[in-house]
Protein backbone atom coordinates (compact mmCIF):
# COMPACT_ATOMS: atom_id res chain seq x y z
CA MET A 1 -14.88 -18.90 28.97
CA LEU A 2 -14.45 -19.01 25.18
CA GLN A 3 -16.34 -15.73 24.79
CA PHE A 4 -15.83 -15.86 21.03
CA PHE A 5 -18.58 -18.48 20.82
CA ARG A 6 -22.01 -17.12 20.03
CA LYS A 7 -24.25 -17.06 23.07
CA ARG A 8 -27.93 -17.91 22.78
CA PRO A 9 -30.13 -16.84 25.71
CA GLU A 10 -32.96 -19.18 24.61
CA MET A 11 -33.10 -22.95 24.66
CA PRO A 12 -33.03 -24.62 21.23
CA SER A 13 -35.72 -27.11 20.36
CA ALA A 14 -34.89 -30.80 20.20
CA ALA A 15 -35.31 -30.61 16.43
CA ASP A 16 -32.84 -27.73 16.12
CA ALA A 17 -30.22 -29.10 18.53
CA LEU A 18 -26.87 -30.38 17.25
CA PRO A 19 -26.84 -34.12 16.45
CA GLY A 20 -23.93 -35.06 18.70
CA ARG A 21 -22.41 -38.53 18.52
CA SER A 22 -22.82 -42.05 19.83
CA THR A 23 -19.46 -42.30 21.62
CA PRO A 24 -18.68 -40.61 24.95
CA THR A 25 -16.16 -37.80 25.12
CA PRO A 26 -12.87 -39.04 26.68
CA THR A 27 -12.27 -37.86 30.23
CA THR A 28 -9.92 -38.59 33.12
CA GLU A 29 -10.11 -41.68 35.29
CA THR A 30 -9.46 -40.23 38.74
CA HIS A 31 -10.17 -37.05 40.66
CA PHE A 32 -7.10 -34.78 40.50
CA VAL A 33 -7.54 -33.62 44.12
CA ASN A 34 -8.57 -36.70 46.10
CA GLY A 35 -7.63 -39.55 43.76
CA HIS A 36 -11.05 -41.22 43.86
CA PRO A 37 -12.39 -42.84 40.67
CA LEU A 38 -14.30 -40.20 38.73
CA LYS A 39 -16.91 -42.63 37.37
CA GLY A 40 -17.04 -44.91 40.39
CA PRO A 41 -17.70 -47.35 41.78
CA TYR A 42 -18.76 -45.06 44.61
CA PRO A 43 -19.00 -46.18 48.25
CA GLU A 44 -22.14 -47.92 49.41
CA GLY A 45 -24.61 -45.44 50.87
CA SER A 46 -23.36 -42.49 48.84
CA GLU A 47 -25.79 -40.48 46.72
CA GLN A 48 -25.45 -38.34 43.60
CA ILE A 49 -26.93 -35.05 42.48
CA VAL A 50 -26.12 -32.85 39.48
CA LEU A 51 -26.04 -29.06 39.87
CA GLY A 52 -25.71 -26.15 37.47
CA LEU A 53 -24.67 -22.80 38.92
CA GLY A 54 -22.50 -21.08 36.34
CA CYS A 55 -19.08 -21.76 34.83
CA PHE A 56 -18.23 -25.26 36.00
CA TRP A 57 -14.54 -24.56 36.60
CA GLY A 58 -15.25 -22.46 39.66
CA THR A 59 -18.40 -24.17 40.83
CA GLU A 60 -16.82 -27.62 41.03
CA ARG A 61 -14.15 -26.27 43.36
CA LYS A 62 -16.79 -25.05 45.83
CA PHE A 63 -17.86 -28.66 46.42
CA TRP A 64 -14.52 -30.47 46.52
CA GLN A 65 -13.34 -27.86 49.05
CA LEU A 66 -16.09 -28.73 51.52
CA PRO A 67 -14.49 -30.15 54.67
CA ASP A 68 -16.30 -33.47 54.78
CA GLY A 69 -19.00 -35.61 53.24
CA ILE A 70 -17.99 -35.23 49.58
CA VAL A 71 -16.87 -38.43 47.86
CA VAL A 72 -16.06 -37.07 44.42
CA THR A 73 -16.95 -34.23 42.06
CA ALA A 74 -16.88 -34.08 38.27
CA VAL A 75 -17.89 -31.52 35.67
CA GLY A 76 -20.05 -32.26 32.68
CA TYR A 77 -23.18 -31.45 30.73
CA ALA A 78 -26.87 -32.13 31.45
CA GLY A 79 -30.35 -30.85 30.76
CA GLY A 80 -30.13 -30.67 26.96
CA PHE A 81 -30.72 -32.70 23.83
CA THR A 82 -27.41 -33.44 22.09
CA PRO A 83 -25.89 -36.85 22.94
CA ASN A 84 -22.24 -36.81 24.07
CA PRO A 85 -21.69 -33.09 23.39
CA THR A 86 -18.32 -31.37 23.29
CA TYR A 87 -17.53 -28.25 25.27
CA GLU A 88 -17.48 -26.14 22.10
CA GLU A 89 -20.91 -27.45 21.12
CA VAL A 90 -22.36 -26.66 24.54
CA CYS A 91 -20.89 -23.14 24.37
CA SER A 92 -22.59 -22.60 21.00
CA GLY A 93 -25.97 -22.71 22.73
CA MET A 94 -27.17 -25.33 20.25
CA THR A 95 -27.25 -28.40 22.52
CA GLY A 96 -29.53 -27.14 25.30
CA HIS A 97 -27.11 -28.45 27.90
CA ASN A 98 -26.09 -26.78 31.12
CA GLU A 99 -22.53 -26.74 32.49
CA VAL A 100 -22.98 -28.83 35.62
CA VAL A 101 -21.20 -30.48 38.52
CA LEU A 102 -21.80 -34.07 39.58
CA VAL A 103 -21.59 -34.19 43.37
CA VAL A 104 -21.29 -37.60 44.98
CA TYR A 105 -21.88 -37.17 48.70
CA ASP A 106 -22.31 -39.18 51.89
CA PRO A 107 -25.75 -38.18 53.24
CA ALA A 108 -24.86 -39.49 56.69
CA VAL A 109 -22.10 -36.88 56.91
CA ARG A 110 -23.39 -34.11 54.65
CA PRO A 111 -27.14 -34.32 53.99
CA LEU A 112 -28.62 -33.05 50.75
CA GLU A 113 -29.85 -29.87 52.44
CA ALA A 114 -26.23 -28.96 53.24
CA VAL A 115 -25.13 -29.69 49.66
CA LEU A 116 -27.92 -27.44 48.37
CA LYS A 117 -26.98 -24.72 50.84
CA THR A 118 -23.55 -24.59 49.15
CA PHE A 119 -25.28 -24.61 45.76
CA PHE A 120 -27.57 -21.67 46.46
CA GLU A 121 -25.06 -19.52 48.34
CA ASN A 122 -22.45 -19.68 45.58
CA HIS A 123 -24.41 -18.17 42.69
CA ASP A 124 -27.30 -15.83 41.97
CA PRO A 125 -30.26 -18.10 41.16
CA THR A 126 -32.42 -15.18 39.97
CA GLN A 127 -30.55 -14.38 36.74
CA GLY A 128 -32.13 -16.77 34.25
CA MET A 129 -29.79 -17.79 31.43
CA ARG A 130 -26.68 -16.18 32.87
CA GLN A 131 -24.32 -15.75 35.79
CA GLY A 132 -22.83 -12.27 35.85
CA ASN A 133 -20.96 -11.67 32.61
CA ASP A 134 -21.36 -15.31 31.54
CA VAL A 135 -24.43 -15.35 29.31
CA GLY A 136 -26.01 -18.40 27.69
CA THR A 137 -28.19 -21.42 28.32
CA GLN A 138 -25.22 -23.32 29.77
CA TYR A 139 -25.04 -20.90 32.71
CA ARG A 140 -28.61 -21.32 33.99
CA SER A 141 -29.35 -22.36 37.55
CA GLY A 142 -30.44 -25.99 37.70
CA ILE A 143 -30.85 -28.97 40.01
CA TYR A 144 -31.00 -32.34 38.26
CA THR A 145 -32.33 -34.97 40.62
CA ALA A 146 -31.95 -38.74 40.89
CA ASN A 147 -35.34 -39.39 42.52
CA GLU A 148 -38.49 -37.74 43.86
CA ALA A 149 -37.11 -37.50 47.40
CA GLN A 150 -34.26 -35.33 46.13
CA ALA A 151 -36.70 -33.24 44.08
CA GLU A 152 -38.92 -32.66 47.11
CA THR A 153 -35.95 -31.55 49.20
CA ALA A 154 -34.72 -29.29 46.39
CA ARG A 155 -38.13 -27.63 46.01
CA ARG A 156 -38.31 -27.02 49.76
CA VAL A 157 -34.82 -25.48 49.89
CA ARG A 158 -35.55 -23.37 46.79
CA GLU A 159 -38.72 -22.00 48.37
CA THR A 160 -36.98 -21.20 51.64
CA TYR A 161 -34.06 -19.49 49.94
CA GLY A 162 -36.43 -17.63 47.63
CA GLU A 163 -38.10 -16.06 50.66
CA ALA A 164 -34.70 -15.05 52.05
CA LEU A 165 -33.75 -13.46 48.71
CA LYS A 166 -37.03 -11.55 48.44
CA ALA A 167 -36.48 -10.14 51.91
CA ARG A 168 -33.21 -8.70 50.62
CA GLY A 169 -34.70 -7.21 47.45
CA PHE A 170 -33.88 -9.92 44.91
CA GLY A 171 -36.29 -11.17 42.26
CA GLU A 172 -37.80 -14.59 41.72
CA ILE A 173 -35.58 -17.68 41.69
CA THR A 174 -35.23 -19.16 38.21
CA THR A 175 -33.62 -22.45 39.29
CA GLU A 176 -35.04 -25.39 37.35
CA ILE A 177 -35.58 -28.63 39.25
CA VAL A 178 -35.96 -31.57 36.87
CA PRO A 179 -35.15 -35.28 36.87
CA LEU A 180 -31.68 -36.03 35.51
CA ASP A 181 -31.81 -37.61 32.09
CA THR A 182 -28.12 -38.15 31.35
CA PHE A 183 -24.94 -36.70 32.82
CA TYR A 184 -22.18 -36.45 30.21
CA PHE A 185 -18.67 -36.19 31.65
CA ALA A 186 -16.78 -33.21 30.24
CA GLU A 187 -13.39 -33.49 28.58
CA GLY A 188 -10.48 -34.42 30.84
CA TYR A 189 -8.85 -31.00 30.86
CA HIS A 190 -11.99 -29.49 32.45
CA GLN A 191 -12.01 -31.89 35.40
CA GLN A 192 -10.82 -30.12 38.59
CA TYR A 193 -9.57 -27.37 36.30
CA LEU A 194 -8.79 -24.84 39.04
CA ALA A 195 -6.73 -27.37 40.97
CA LYS A 196 -4.58 -27.83 37.87
CA ASN A 197 -4.68 -24.11 36.96
CA PRO A 198 -5.00 -22.12 40.21
CA ALA A 199 -4.94 -18.79 38.37
CA GLY A 200 -7.64 -19.88 35.90
CA TYR A 201 -10.92 -18.12 35.28
CA CYS A 202 -13.54 -18.37 38.04
CA GLY A 203 -16.81 -16.51 37.54
CA VAL A 204 -18.48 -17.79 40.69
CA GLY A 205 -20.23 -15.18 42.79
CA GLY A 206 -23.11 -15.46 45.25
CA THR A 207 -25.70 -12.96 46.44
CA GLY A 208 -24.33 -12.62 49.98
CA VAL A 209 -27.66 -13.93 51.32
CA THR A 210 -27.40 -16.91 53.67
CA CYS A 211 -29.51 -19.96 52.91
CA PRO A 212 -31.20 -20.66 56.26
CA ILE A 213 -31.80 -24.36 55.65
CA GLY A 214 -30.11 -26.36 58.38
CA THR A 215 -28.56 -23.33 60.08
CA GLY A 216 -31.23 -22.46 62.60
CA VAL A 217 -30.69 -18.76 61.90
CA ALA A 218 -32.58 -16.24 59.83
CA ALA A 219 -31.13 -15.04 56.55
């Protein structure tokens, strides 16, 4: 995506990051696929988690295509320094942000472990600041949590999947697990991009290793 932008494989410091702006970037009001309000209000009992696993066009689709338990998805930016960044700024590597997906889910139908199973199986979490040919800080593997309970679950799933990957010859998982500071909604044209542009770019690719959490089978 926009390969003409300079890629930086290292995080900028807060002092070096772009200044951003005080006003949010305009986005769409409703989910293109299911019609639910993108920014809520969300149903009582639903929970939210923010996930980074590569180019957000393809990764968002992996979650809205799940058969049940997903209320809404949205793409955006998190994990950096620049307030209200634009897509071009994030791609410059000078905001520190990751391309991420907000997943609003019903834990009674699809528990967090199942959401994270989809997360881990649909990218290679051992690649550091890249996913395949997509190189840059915005393509790092990350889980941005709403509370300590989510963080504990994420650490447990990461450890379990890390063991499964090692058994298949992969290196150490580089997935960061940190509390969510702010989720910035991306520009409207990015939201559910592959539903609007079915032939659009999708760089999503997993390792082929099953995440054994919740499956009762060995990877």
